[in-house]
Each structure stands twice: as C-alpha cells, then as structure tokens.
Amino acid sequence: MPPDPNARNRYDLSEHEFEAMLARAAEEGAKRALADVGLDGHEAALDIRDLRSLLDCIRLVRRTAMQTAVRMITTGVMLALLAGTAIKLKIFGGSP
C-alpha cells in the first residue's frame, strides 16, 4: 500500500531542530567514548595533559637515542680511520 501523499510526516524537523539534535547526540557520544577509555570525571583534562607530556618525553628520548647512535657510529669510523692511518704510517714503532 503506497503512503498517502496528503498525510504529514510526523518526523519533520526544522533545520535548527535537526542541528540541535545532532549536537546533543555528538556530545553524548563523546562523553560515552571518553567514559569507555576511562577519561571521564574531573581530572580528565589533567590525565590528557599527562599523556601528552609522556608522549613528548618518548619522542625526545627516541630523538636523543638516534642522535647518540649516529654520533657513536661516526666516532667509531673516525677512530678506525685514525688507527688505520697510524698503522700505515708506523707511528707506534711497527716492525722494521
């Protein structure tokens, strides 16, 4: 049976009502998602700041570790070249 074209749909919403309903749904969804991960309550902002600080520290440690590794490799190569040069030039009294 086809719908009656003269009957008014009882779910007609104005654009303002629809946007208000979407905003409420989004806010409730965000609250539920934060509660699911344990970030609801009064100290949630502090927890998020702590997490961001922890991530910044991890990035700093990773960057510092990479710099240290590059410096150690460079120093090792330079020492090997210096040792090779010293042996080649017989600076340390090599055999005659």
N, C-alpha and C. Protein backbone atom coordinates (compact mmCIF):
# COMPACT_ATOMS: atom_id res chain seq x y z
N MET A 1 0.85 -1.16 0.00
CA MET A 1 0.00 0.00 0.00
C MET A 1 0.90 1.24 0.00
N PRO A 2 0.77 2.12 -0.97
CA PRO A 2 1.62 3.32 -1.06
C PRO A 2 1.24 4.31 0.04
N PRO A 3 2.23 5.10 0.49
CA PRO A 3 1.92 6.10 1.53
C PRO A 3 0.99 7.19 0.98
N ASP A 4 0.18 7.71 1.87
CA ASP A 4 -0.75 8.77 1.49
C ASP A 4 0.03 10.07 1.31
N PRO A 5 0.02 10.68 0.12
CA PRO A 5 0.79 11.92 -0.10
C PRO A 5 0.24 13.09 0.68
N ASN A 6 -1.01 13.02 1.13
CA ASN A 6 -1.60 14.13 1.88
C ASN A 6 -1.30 14.05 3.37
N ALA A 7 -0.83 12.88 3.82
CA ALA A 7 -0.54 12.72 5.25
C ALA A 7 0.79 13.40 5.57
N ARG A 8 0.82 14.11 6.67
CA ARG A 8 2.03 14.83 7.08
C ARG A 8 2.94 13.86 7.83
N ASN A 9 4.22 13.87 7.49
CA ASN A 9 5.20 13.02 8.19
C ASN A 9 5.40 13.59 9.58
N ARG A 10 5.21 12.78 10.59
CA ARG A 10 5.31 13.29 11.96
C ARG A 10 6.75 13.49 12.40
N TYR A 11 7.71 13.12 11.55
CA TYR A 11 9.11 13.29 11.89
C TYR A 11 9.75 14.46 11.17
N ASP A 12 8.96 15.36 10.65
CA ASP A 12 9.52 16.56 10.00
C ASP A 12 10.18 17.43 11.07
N LEU A 13 11.43 17.80 10.81
CA LEU A 13 12.16 18.66 11.73
C LEU A 13 12.67 19.87 10.97
N SER A 14 12.70 20.97 11.67
CA SER A 14 13.31 22.14 11.05
C SER A 14 14.83 21.95 11.07
N GLU A 15 15.52 22.73 10.28
CA GLU A 15 16.98 22.61 10.23
C GLU A 15 17.59 22.90 11.59
N HIS A 16 17.06 23.87 12.31
CA HIS A 16 17.56 24.22 13.64
C HIS A 16 17.36 23.06 14.62
N GLU A 17 16.19 22.43 14.59
CA GLU A 17 15.92 21.30 15.48
C GLU A 17 16.83 20.12 15.16
N PHE A 18 17.03 19.89 13.86
CA PHE A 18 17.89 18.78 13.44
C PHE A 18 19.33 19.01 13.89
N GLU A 19 19.85 20.23 13.73
CA GLU A 19 21.22 20.53 14.16
C GLU A 19 21.35 20.43 15.68
N ALA A 20 20.34 20.86 16.42
CA ALA A 20 20.38 20.75 17.88
C ALA A 20 20.39 19.27 18.30
N MET A 21 19.60 18.45 17.61
CA MET A 21 19.57 17.03 17.93
C MET A 21 20.92 16.38 17.60
N LEU A 22 21.54 16.76 16.49
CA LEU A 22 22.86 16.24 16.13
C LEU A 22 23.91 16.67 17.16
N ALA A 23 23.85 17.91 17.61
CA ALA A 23 24.81 18.40 18.60
C ALA A 23 24.67 17.63 19.91
N ARG A 24 23.44 17.37 20.35
CA ARG A 24 23.23 16.59 21.58
C ARG A 24 23.75 15.17 21.42
N ALA A 25 23.48 14.57 20.27
CA ALA A 25 23.94 13.20 20.03
C ALA A 25 25.46 13.14 19.99
N ALA A 26 26.09 14.13 19.37
CA ALA A 26 27.55 14.15 19.31
C ALA A 26 28.15 14.32 20.70
N GLU A 27 27.57 15.19 21.49
CA GLU A 27 28.08 15.42 22.84
C GLU A 27 27.93 14.16 23.70
N GLU A 28 26.77 13.51 23.62
CA GLU A 28 26.57 12.28 24.39
C GLU A 28 27.51 11.17 23.91
N GLY A 29 27.72 11.09 22.60
CA GLY A 29 28.65 10.09 22.07
C GLY A 29 30.07 10.33 22.53
N ALA A 30 30.49 11.60 22.55
CA ALA A 30 31.84 11.93 23.01
C ALA A 30 32.00 11.61 24.49
N LYS A 31 31.00 11.92 25.29
CA LYS A 31 31.06 11.60 26.72
C LYS A 31 31.15 10.10 26.93
N ARG A 32 30.37 9.33 26.17
CA ARG A 32 30.39 7.88 26.31
C ARG A 32 31.75 7.31 25.88
N ALA A 33 32.31 7.86 24.80
CA ALA A 33 33.61 7.37 24.33
C ALA A 33 34.70 7.67 25.36
N LEU A 34 34.68 8.87 25.95
CA LEU A 34 35.66 9.20 26.98
C LEU A 34 35.48 8.32 28.22
N ALA A 35 34.24 8.04 28.57
CA ALA A 35 33.99 7.16 29.72
C ALA A 35 34.49 5.75 29.44
N ASP A 36 34.35 5.29 28.20
CA ASP A 36 34.81 3.94 27.84
C ASP A 36 36.31 3.79 27.99
N VAL A 37 37.08 4.85 27.74
CA VAL A 37 38.54 4.76 27.87
C VAL A 37 39.02 5.25 29.23
N GLY A 38 38.09 5.60 30.11
CA GLY A 38 38.46 5.99 31.47
C GLY A 38 38.86 7.44 31.63
N LEU A 39 38.45 8.30 30.70
CA LEU A 39 38.81 9.70 30.78
C LEU A 39 37.59 10.57 31.10
N ASP A 40 36.72 10.07 31.94
CA ASP A 40 35.60 10.89 32.38
C ASP A 40 35.87 11.34 33.81
N GLY A 41 35.30 12.39 34.20
CA GLY A 41 35.50 12.88 35.56
C GLY A 41 36.20 14.22 35.57
N HIS A 42 36.50 14.65 36.76
CA HIS A 42 37.04 16.00 36.94
C HIS A 42 38.52 16.09 36.58
N GLU A 43 39.24 15.01 36.64
CA GLU A 43 40.68 15.05 36.37
C GLU A 43 41.03 14.59 34.96
N ALA A 44 40.05 14.53 34.07
CA ALA A 44 40.29 14.05 32.71
C ALA A 44 41.25 14.97 31.96
N ALA A 45 41.09 16.28 32.12
CA ALA A 45 41.98 17.22 31.42
C ALA A 45 43.42 17.04 31.90
N LEU A 46 43.60 16.83 33.19
CA LEU A 46 44.94 16.60 33.74
C LEU A 46 45.53 15.30 33.20
N ASP A 47 44.70 14.27 33.11
CA ASP A 47 45.15 12.99 32.56
C ASP A 47 45.60 13.13 31.12
N ILE A 48 44.84 13.86 30.33
CA ILE A 48 45.21 14.06 28.92
C ILE A 48 46.49 14.86 28.81
N ARG A 49 46.65 15.89 29.65
CA ARG A 49 47.90 16.66 29.65
C ARG A 49 49.08 15.77 30.02
N ASP A 50 48.89 14.90 31.01
CA ASP A 50 49.95 13.97 31.40
C ASP A 50 50.31 13.01 30.26
N LEU A 51 49.29 12.52 29.56
CA LEU A 51 49.54 11.62 28.44
C LEU A 51 50.31 12.33 27.32
N ARG A 52 49.94 13.58 27.04
CA ARG A 52 50.65 14.34 26.01
C ARG A 52 52.09 14.60 26.43
N SER A 53 52.29 14.91 27.70
CA SER A 53 53.64 15.13 28.21
C SER A 53 54.47 13.85 28.10
N LEU A 54 53.86 12.72 28.42
CA LEU A 54 54.55 11.43 28.30
C LEU A 54 54.94 11.15 26.85
N LEU A 55 54.04 11.43 25.93
CA LEU A 55 54.35 11.24 24.52
C LEU A 55 55.48 12.16 24.06
N ASP A 56 55.49 13.40 24.54
CA ASP A 56 56.58 14.32 24.21
C ASP A 56 57.91 13.79 24.73
N CYS A 57 57.90 13.24 25.94
CA CYS A 57 59.13 12.67 26.51
C CYS A 57 59.61 11.47 25.71
N ILE A 58 58.68 10.63 25.28
CA ILE A 58 59.06 9.47 24.47
C ILE A 58 59.69 9.92 23.16
N ARG A 59 59.11 10.92 22.53
CA ARG A 59 59.68 11.44 21.29
C ARG A 59 61.08 12.01 21.51
N LEU A 60 61.26 12.73 22.63
CA LEU A 60 62.58 13.29 22.94
C LEU A 60 63.60 12.19 23.16
N VAL A 61 63.23 11.14 23.89
CA VAL A 61 64.14 10.03 24.15
C VAL A 61 64.51 9.34 22.84
N ARG A 62 63.52 9.12 21.97
CA ARG A 62 63.78 8.47 20.68
C ARG A 62 64.75 9.31 19.84
N ARG A 63 64.51 10.63 19.79
CA ARG A 63 65.37 11.52 19.01
C ARG A 63 66.80 11.53 19.59
N THR A 64 66.91 11.59 20.91
CA THR A 64 68.21 11.61 21.56
C THR A 64 68.94 10.29 21.33
N ALA A 65 68.23 9.17 21.38
CA ALA A 65 68.85 7.87 21.14
C ALA A 65 69.38 7.78 19.71
N MET A 66 68.63 8.28 18.77
CA MET A 66 69.09 8.26 17.37
C MET A 66 70.33 9.14 17.20
N GLN A 67 70.33 10.31 17.80
CA GLN A 67 71.49 11.20 17.70
C GLN A 67 72.71 10.55 18.33
N THR A 68 72.52 9.89 19.48
CA THR A 68 73.63 9.23 20.15
C THR A 68 74.17 8.09 19.30
N ALA A 69 73.30 7.31 18.69
CA ALA A 69 73.73 6.20 17.84
C ALA A 69 74.54 6.72 16.65
N VAL A 70 74.07 7.78 16.03
CA VAL A 70 74.79 8.36 14.89
C VAL A 70 76.15 8.88 15.33
N ARG A 71 76.21 9.53 16.47
CA ARG A 71 77.49 10.04 16.96
C ARG A 71 78.46 8.90 17.28
N MET A 72 77.95 7.81 17.88
CA MET A 72 78.83 6.69 18.20
C MET A 72 79.36 6.02 16.93
N ILE A 73 78.52 5.85 15.94
CA ILE A 73 78.96 5.26 14.67
C ILE A 73 79.98 6.16 14.00
N THR A 74 79.73 7.45 13.99
CA THR A 74 80.68 8.39 13.38
C THR A 74 82.01 8.37 14.12
N THR A 75 81.97 8.35 15.44
CA THR A 75 83.20 8.30 16.23
C THR A 75 83.96 7.00 15.96
N GLY A 76 83.24 5.88 15.87
CA GLY A 76 83.88 4.60 15.58
C GLY A 76 84.57 4.59 14.22
N VAL A 77 83.91 5.15 13.21
CA VAL A 77 84.51 5.23 11.88
C VAL A 77 85.76 6.12 11.90
N MET A 78 85.65 7.24 12.59
CA MET A 78 86.80 8.15 12.66
C MET A 78 87.97 7.48 13.40
N LEU A 79 87.71 6.75 14.49
CA LEU A 79 88.77 6.06 15.21
C LEU A 79 89.39 4.96 14.35
N ALA A 80 88.58 4.25 13.58
CA ALA A 80 89.12 3.21 12.70
C ALA A 80 90.02 3.83 11.63
N LEU A 81 89.59 4.95 11.07
CA LEU A 81 90.43 5.64 10.07
C LEU A 81 91.74 6.13 10.69
N LEU A 82 91.65 6.66 11.90
CA LEU A 82 92.85 7.14 12.59
C LEU A 82 93.79 5.99 12.91
N ALA A 83 93.24 4.87 13.37
CA ALA A 83 94.07 3.70 13.67
C ALA A 83 94.70 3.16 12.40
N GLY A 84 93.94 3.11 11.32
CA GLY A 84 94.49 2.65 10.05
C GLY A 84 95.60 3.54 9.56
N THR A 85 95.42 4.84 9.71
CA THR A 85 96.47 5.79 9.30
C THR A 85 97.70 5.62 10.17
N ALA A 86 97.52 5.45 11.48
CA ALA A 86 98.65 5.27 12.38
C ALA A 86 99.42 4.00 12.05
N ILE A 87 98.73 2.93 11.74
CA ILE A 87 99.39 1.68 11.38
C ILE A 87 100.13 1.83 10.05
N LYS A 88 99.50 2.47 9.10
CA LYS A 88 100.09 2.64 7.77
C LYS A 88 101.37 3.49 7.84
N LEU A 89 101.34 4.52 8.69
CA LEU A 89 102.50 5.41 8.81
C LEU A 89 103.52 4.90 9.84
N LYS A 90 103.20 3.79 10.49
CA LYS A 90 104.09 3.17 11.51
C LYS A 90 104.46 4.16 12.60
N ILE A 91 103.45 4.86 13.10
CA ILE A 91 103.67 5.87 14.14
C ILE A 91 104.03 5.21 15.46
N PHE A 92 103.54 4.07 15.78
CA PHE A 92 103.76 3.44 17.06
C PHE A 92 104.90 2.43 17.02
N GLY A 93 105.84 2.65 16.18
CA GLY A 93 107.04 1.80 16.13
C GLY A 93 106.75 0.40 15.65
N GLY A 94 106.16 0.30 14.52
CA GLY A 94 105.87 -1.00 13.95
C GLY A 94 107.16 -1.73 13.58
N SER A 95 107.04 -2.96 13.14
CA SER A 95 108.22 -3.76 12.80
C SER A 95 108.98 -3.14 11.62
N PRO A 96 110.33 -3.29 11.59
CA PRO A 96 111.16 -2.65 10.56
C PRO A 96 111.01 -3.24 9.21
